[in-house]
Amino acid sequence: MYRIISRLPQWTLLVGVLILTGCAAQQQQPQNVEIRKGVVEQITPTEIKSEGHPGVAAIVGGVAGAGLGSLMGAGTGKDVMMVMGAIGGAIGGAALDKKYEKPISGQQVIVRLNNGVLVAVTQPVNSSLHTGQAVYIEGSGNTARVVPQ
């Protein structure tokens, strides 16, 4: 294993480490969540776009392909193999991105708050919600969710 890593070009390892570091989840401090009361006025089925990170798989595939290509051949042949590996890895990664980019089923829930204001929230399907039901809206913006009281 050490022999393989020691034969990889230094820039390939550096790029790989930077990509993995950038993808690492950062811990967030707990925040206060706004909760509002209301009644469901309308529920409309919809689709929600996937929240994937387009292009990441193609980049990782390209770097991995270049790394594997650098292990083959010598001289100009090695350079050609690196380029071919990078192109092949990028194409494979892009195909993988397309496969997992499917939309998910969702619903737009329109809620009339106790103060009379209408709020629309788009979220994944929650089959326990129905028109006329008393609900809470937790959060705001893209993180808002409608849940039964």
C-alpha atoms as a PDB file:
ATOM      1  CA  MET A   1       0.000   0.000   0.000  1.00  0.00           C
ATOM      2  CA  TYR A   2       2.802   2.409   0.913  1.00  0.00           C
ATOM      3  CA  ARG A   3       4.519   1.734  -2.435  1.00  0.00           C
ATOM      4  CA  ILE A   4       1.400   2.733  -4.361  1.00  0.00           C
ATOM      5  CA  ILE A   5       0.971   5.983  -2.404  1.00  0.00           C
ATOM      6  CA  SER A   6       4.647   6.871  -2.713  1.00  0.00           C
ATOM      7  CA  ARG A   7       4.467   6.518  -6.519  1.00  0.00           C
ATOM      8  CA  LEU A   8       1.540   8.939  -6.909  1.00  0.00           C
ATOM      9  CA  PRO A   9       2.456  12.475  -7.958  1.00  0.00           C
ATOM     10  CA  GLN A  10       2.405  14.859  -5.018  1.00  0.00           C
ATOM     11  CA  TRP A  11      -0.187  17.134  -6.602  1.00  0.00           C
ATOM     12  CA  THR A  12      -2.629  14.222  -6.935  1.00  0.00           C
ATOM     13  CA  LEU A  13      -2.456  13.489  -3.233  1.00  0.00           C
ATOM     14  CA  LEU A  14      -2.749  17.182  -2.370  1.00  0.00           C
ATOM     15  CA  VAL A  15      -5.845  17.625  -4.549  1.00  0.00           C
ATOM     16  CA  GLY A  16      -7.415  14.504  -3.056  1.00  0.00           C
ATOM     17  CA  VAL A  17      -6.815  15.692   0.494  1.00  0.00           C
ATOM     18  CA  LEU A  18      -8.230  19.146  -0.305  1.00  0.00           C
ATOM     19  CA  ILE A  19     -11.379  17.650  -1.842  1.00  0.00           C
ATOM     20  CA  LEU A  20     -11.965  15.310   1.096  1.00  0.00           C
ATOM     21  CA  THR A  21     -11.346  18.131   3.569  1.00  0.00           C
ATOM     22  CA  GLY A  22     -13.820  20.376   1.772  1.00  0.00           C
ATOM     23  CA  CYS A  23     -16.472  17.657   1.858  1.00  0.00           C
ATOM     24  CA  ALA A  24     -16.122  17.045   5.587  1.00  0.00           C
ATOM     25  CA  ALA A  25     -19.151  18.127   7.571  1.00  0.00           C
ATOM     26  CA  GLN A  26     -18.627  21.049   9.886  1.00  0.00           C
ATOM     27  CA  GLN A  27     -20.266  20.948  13.279  1.00  0.00           C
ATOM     28  CA  GLN A  28     -22.801  23.680  13.855  1.00  0.00           C
ATOM     29  CA  GLN A  29     -23.913  25.140  17.134  1.00  0.00           C
ATOM     30  CA  PRO A  30     -27.572  24.500  18.045  1.00  0.00           C
ATOM     31  CA  GLN A  31     -29.747  27.457  17.128  1.00  0.00           C
ATOM     32  CA  ASN A  32     -33.145  28.616  18.292  1.00  0.00           C
ATOM     33  CA  VAL A  33     -35.957  27.394  16.051  1.00  0.00           C
ATOM     34  CA  GLU A  34     -38.946  29.607  15.328  1.00  0.00           C
ATOM     35  CA  ILE A  35     -42.266  27.765  15.842  1.00  0.00           C
ATOM     36  CA  ARG A  36     -45.576  29.179  14.606  1.00  0.00           C
ATOM     37  CA  LYS A  37     -49.120  27.801  14.979  1.00  0.00           C
ATOM     38  CA  GLY A  38     -51.678  27.584  12.205  1.00  0.00           C
ATOM     39  CA  VAL A  39     -54.195  25.505  10.262  1.00  0.00           C
ATOM     40  CA  VAL A  40     -53.583  23.708   6.951  1.00  0.00           C
ATOM     41  CA  GLU A  41     -55.537  25.421   4.149  1.00  0.00           C
ATOM     42  CA  GLN A  42     -54.275  23.420   1.156  1.00  0.00           C
ATOM     43  CA  ILE A  43     -51.864  20.583   0.278  1.00  0.00           C
ATOM     44  CA  THR A  44     -50.545  20.282  -3.297  1.00  0.00           C
ATOM     45  CA  PRO A  45     -48.307  17.407  -4.510  1.00  0.00           C
ATOM     46  CA  THR A  46     -45.025  18.517  -6.085  1.00  0.00           C
ATOM     47  CA  GLU A  47     -41.467  17.332  -6.762  1.00  0.00           C
ATOM     48  CA  ILE A  48     -38.367  18.529  -4.919  1.00  0.00           C
ATOM     49  CA  LYS A  49     -35.018  18.724  -6.689  1.00  0.00           C
ATOM     50  CA  SER A  50     -32.253  16.537  -5.314  1.00  0.00           C
ATOM     51  CA  GLU A  51     -29.938  18.333  -2.895  1.00  0.00           C
ATOM     52  CA  GLY A  52     -26.814  16.655  -4.257  1.00  0.00           C
ATOM     53  CA  HIS A  53     -23.631  18.495  -5.116  1.00  0.00           C
ATOM     54  CA  PRO A  54     -23.390  18.397  -8.915  1.00  0.00           C
ATOM     55  CA  GLY A  55     -19.907  17.890 -10.279  1.00  0.00           C
ATOM     56  CA  VAL A  56     -18.280  16.524  -7.122  1.00  0.00           C
ATOM     57  CA  ALA A  57     -18.355  12.909  -8.332  1.00  0.00           C
ATOM     58  CA  ALA A  58     -16.856  13.952 -11.690  1.00  0.00           C
ATOM     59  CA  ILE A  59     -14.009  15.813  -9.956  1.00  0.00           C
ATOM     60  CA  VAL A  60     -13.281  12.960  -7.548  1.00  0.00           C
ATOM     61  CA  GLY A  61     -13.492  10.445 -10.411  1.00  0.00           C
ATOM     62  CA  GLY A  62     -11.081  12.517 -12.500  1.00  0.00           C
ATOM     63  CA  VAL A  63      -8.547  12.815  -9.676  1.00  0.00           C
ATOM     64  CA  ALA A  64      -8.805   9.108  -8.880  1.00  0.00           C
ATOM     65  CA  GLY A  65      -8.447   8.217 -12.561  1.00  0.00           C
ATOM     66  CA  ALA A  66      -5.365  10.414 -12.909  1.00  0.00           C
ATOM     67  CA  GLY A  67      -3.875   8.816  -9.801  1.00  0.00           C
ATOM     68  CA  LEU A  68      -4.474   5.302 -11.094  1.00  0.00           C
ATOM     69  CA  GLY A  69      -3.227   6.263 -14.551  1.00  0.00           C
ATOM     70  CA  SER A  70       0.023   7.557 -13.056  1.00  0.00           C
ATOM     71  CA  LEU A  71       0.756   4.037 -11.798  1.00  0.00           C
ATOM     72  CA  MET A  72       0.865   2.638 -15.344  1.00  0.00           C
ATOM     73  CA  GLY A  73       3.460   3.003 -18.055  1.00  0.00           C
ATOM     74  CA  ALA A  74       6.627   5.090 -18.118  1.00  0.00           C
ATOM     75  CA  GLY A  75       7.680   8.363 -19.740  1.00  0.00           C
ATOM     76  CA  THR A  76       5.186   9.688 -22.282  1.00  0.00           C
ATOM     77  CA  GLY A  77       3.036   6.567 -21.889  1.00  0.00           C
ATOM     78  CA  LYS A  78       2.587   7.368 -18.214  1.00  0.00           C
ATOM     79  CA  ASP A  79       1.413  10.898 -19.051  1.00  0.00           C
ATOM     80  CA  VAL A  80      -1.050   9.532 -21.604  1.00  0.00           C
ATOM     81  CA  MET A  81      -2.383   7.040 -19.062  1.00  0.00           C
ATOM     82  CA  MET A  82      -2.844   9.831 -16.490  1.00  0.00           C
ATOM     83  CA  VAL A  83      -4.849  11.912 -18.970  1.00  0.00           C
ATOM     84  CA  MET A  84      -6.918   8.918 -20.083  1.00  0.00           C
ATOM     85  CA  GLY A  85      -7.543   7.943 -16.452  1.00  0.00           C
ATOM     86  CA  ALA A  86      -8.617  11.490 -15.581  1.00  0.00           C
ATOM     87  CA  ILE A  87     -11.004  11.658 -18.538  1.00  0.00           C
ATOM     88  CA  GLY A  88     -12.443   8.198 -17.838  1.00  0.00           C
ATOM     89  CA  GLY A  89     -12.860   8.928 -14.141  1.00  0.00           C
ATOM     90  CA  ALA A  90     -14.560  12.248 -14.841  1.00  0.00           C
ATOM     91  CA  ILE A  91     -16.985  10.642 -17.305  1.00  0.00           C
ATOM     92  CA  GLY A  92     -17.783   7.848 -14.847  1.00  0.00           C
ATOM     93  CA  GLY A  93     -18.290  10.337 -12.019  1.00  0.00           C
ATOM     94  CA  ALA A  94     -20.596  12.494 -14.149  1.00  0.00           C
ATOM     95  CA  ALA A  95     -22.680   9.421 -15.017  1.00  0.00           C
ATOM     96  CA  LEU A  96     -22.938   8.587 -11.318  1.00  0.00           C
ATOM     97  CA  ASP A  97     -24.080  12.174 -10.601  1.00  0.00           C
ATOM     98  CA  LYS A  98     -26.870  11.852 -13.190  1.00  0.00           C
ATOM     99  CA  LYS A  99     -28.078   8.579 -11.677  1.00  0.00           C
ATOM    100  CA  TYR A 100     -28.589  10.080  -8.211  1.00  0.00           C
ATOM    101  CA  GLU A 101     -29.995  13.431  -9.372  1.00  0.00           C
ATOM    102  CA  LYS A 102     -33.628  12.262  -9.393  1.00  0.00           C
ATOM    103  CA  PRO A 103     -36.282  14.496  -7.800  1.00  0.00           C
ATOM    104  CA  ILE A 104     -38.139  13.276  -4.710  1.00  0.00           C
ATOM    105  CA  SER A 105     -41.873  13.428  -4.008  1.00  0.00           C
ATOM    106  CA  GLY A 106     -42.928  16.447  -2.007  1.00  0.00           C
ATOM    107  CA  GLN A 107     -45.857  18.613  -1.073  1.00  0.00           C
ATOM    108  CA  GLN A 108     -46.558  22.316  -0.880  1.00  0.00           C
ATOM    109  CA  VAL A 109     -48.491  22.967   2.325  1.00  0.00           C
ATOM    110  CA  ILE A 110     -50.303  26.290   2.690  1.00  0.00           C
ATOM    111  CA  VAL A 111     -50.916  27.191   6.329  1.00  0.00           C
ATOM    112  CA  ARG A 112     -53.002  30.055   7.718  1.00  0.00           C
ATOM    113  CA  LEU A 113     -51.261  31.303  10.834  1.00  0.00           C
ATOM    114  CA  ASN A 114     -53.219  32.389  13.907  1.00  0.00           C
ATOM    115  CA  ASN A 115     -52.653  36.035  12.900  1.00  0.00           C
ATOM    116  CA  GLY A 116     -54.280  35.404   9.472  1.00  0.00           C
ATOM    117  CA  VAL A 117     -51.097  35.372   7.361  1.00  0.00           C
ATOM    118  CA  LEU A 118     -50.772  32.582   4.760  1.00  0.00           C
ATOM    119  CA  VAL A 119     -47.448  30.702   4.637  1.00  0.00           C
ATOM    120  CA  ALA A 120     -46.455  28.172   1.947  1.00  0.00           C
ATOM    121  CA  VAL A 121     -43.918  25.468   2.812  1.00  0.00           C
ATOM    122  CA  THR A 122     -42.552  22.914   0.323  1.00  0.00           C
ATOM    123  CA  GLN A 123     -41.308  19.755   2.040  1.00  0.00           C
ATOM    124  CA  PRO A 124     -41.027  15.974   1.592  1.00  0.00           C
ATOM    125  CA  VAL A 125     -44.381  14.175   1.812  1.00  0.00           C
ATOM    126  CA  ASN A 126     -45.824  13.921   5.320  1.00  0.00           C
ATOM    127  CA  SER A 127     -48.868  11.654   4.960  1.00  0.00           C
ATOM    128  CA  SER A 128     -50.157  12.553   8.423  1.00  0.00           C
ATOM    129  CA  LEU A 129     -51.072  16.092   7.281  1.00  0.00           C
ATOM    130  CA  HIS A 130     -54.570  16.940   6.005  1.00  0.00           C
ATOM    131  CA  THR A 131     -56.639  20.048   5.240  1.00  0.00           C
ATOM    132  CA  GLY A 132     -58.126  21.734   8.331  1.00  0.00           C
ATOM    133  CA  GLN A 133     -55.546  20.214  10.688  1.00  0.00           C
ATOM    134  CA  ALA A 134     -53.874  22.293  13.416  1.00  0.00           C
ATOM    135  CA  VAL A 135     -50.121  22.354  12.778  1.00  0.00           C
ATOM    136  CA  TYR A 136     -46.832  23.920  13.772  1.00  0.00           C
ATOM    137  CA  ILE A 137     -44.393  25.465  11.317  1.00  0.00           C
ATOM    138  CA  GLU A 138     -40.909  24.762  12.628  1.00  0.00           C
ATOM    139  CA  GLY A 139     -38.029  26.906  11.359  1.00  0.00           C
ATOM    140  CA  SER A 140     -38.033  29.409   8.529  1.00  0.00           C
ATOM    141  CA  GLY A 141     -36.791  29.720   4.955  1.00  0.00           C
ATOM    142  CA  ASN A 142     -35.488  26.523   3.337  1.00  0.00           C
ATOM    143  CA  THR A 143     -35.453  24.682   6.670  1.00  0.00           C
ATOM    144  CA  ALA A 144     -39.163  25.271   7.495  1.00  0.00           C
ATOM    145  CA  ARG A 145     -41.267  22.155   8.079  1.00  0.00           C
ATOM    146  CA  VAL A 146     -44.991  21.681   8.783  1.00  0.00           C
ATOM    147  CA  VAL A 147     -45.739  19.146  11.521  1.00  0.00           C
ATOM    148  CA  PRO A 148     -48.989  18.143  13.249  1.00  0.00           C
ATOM    149  CA  GLN A 149     -49.757  19.679  16.657  1.00  0.00           C
END
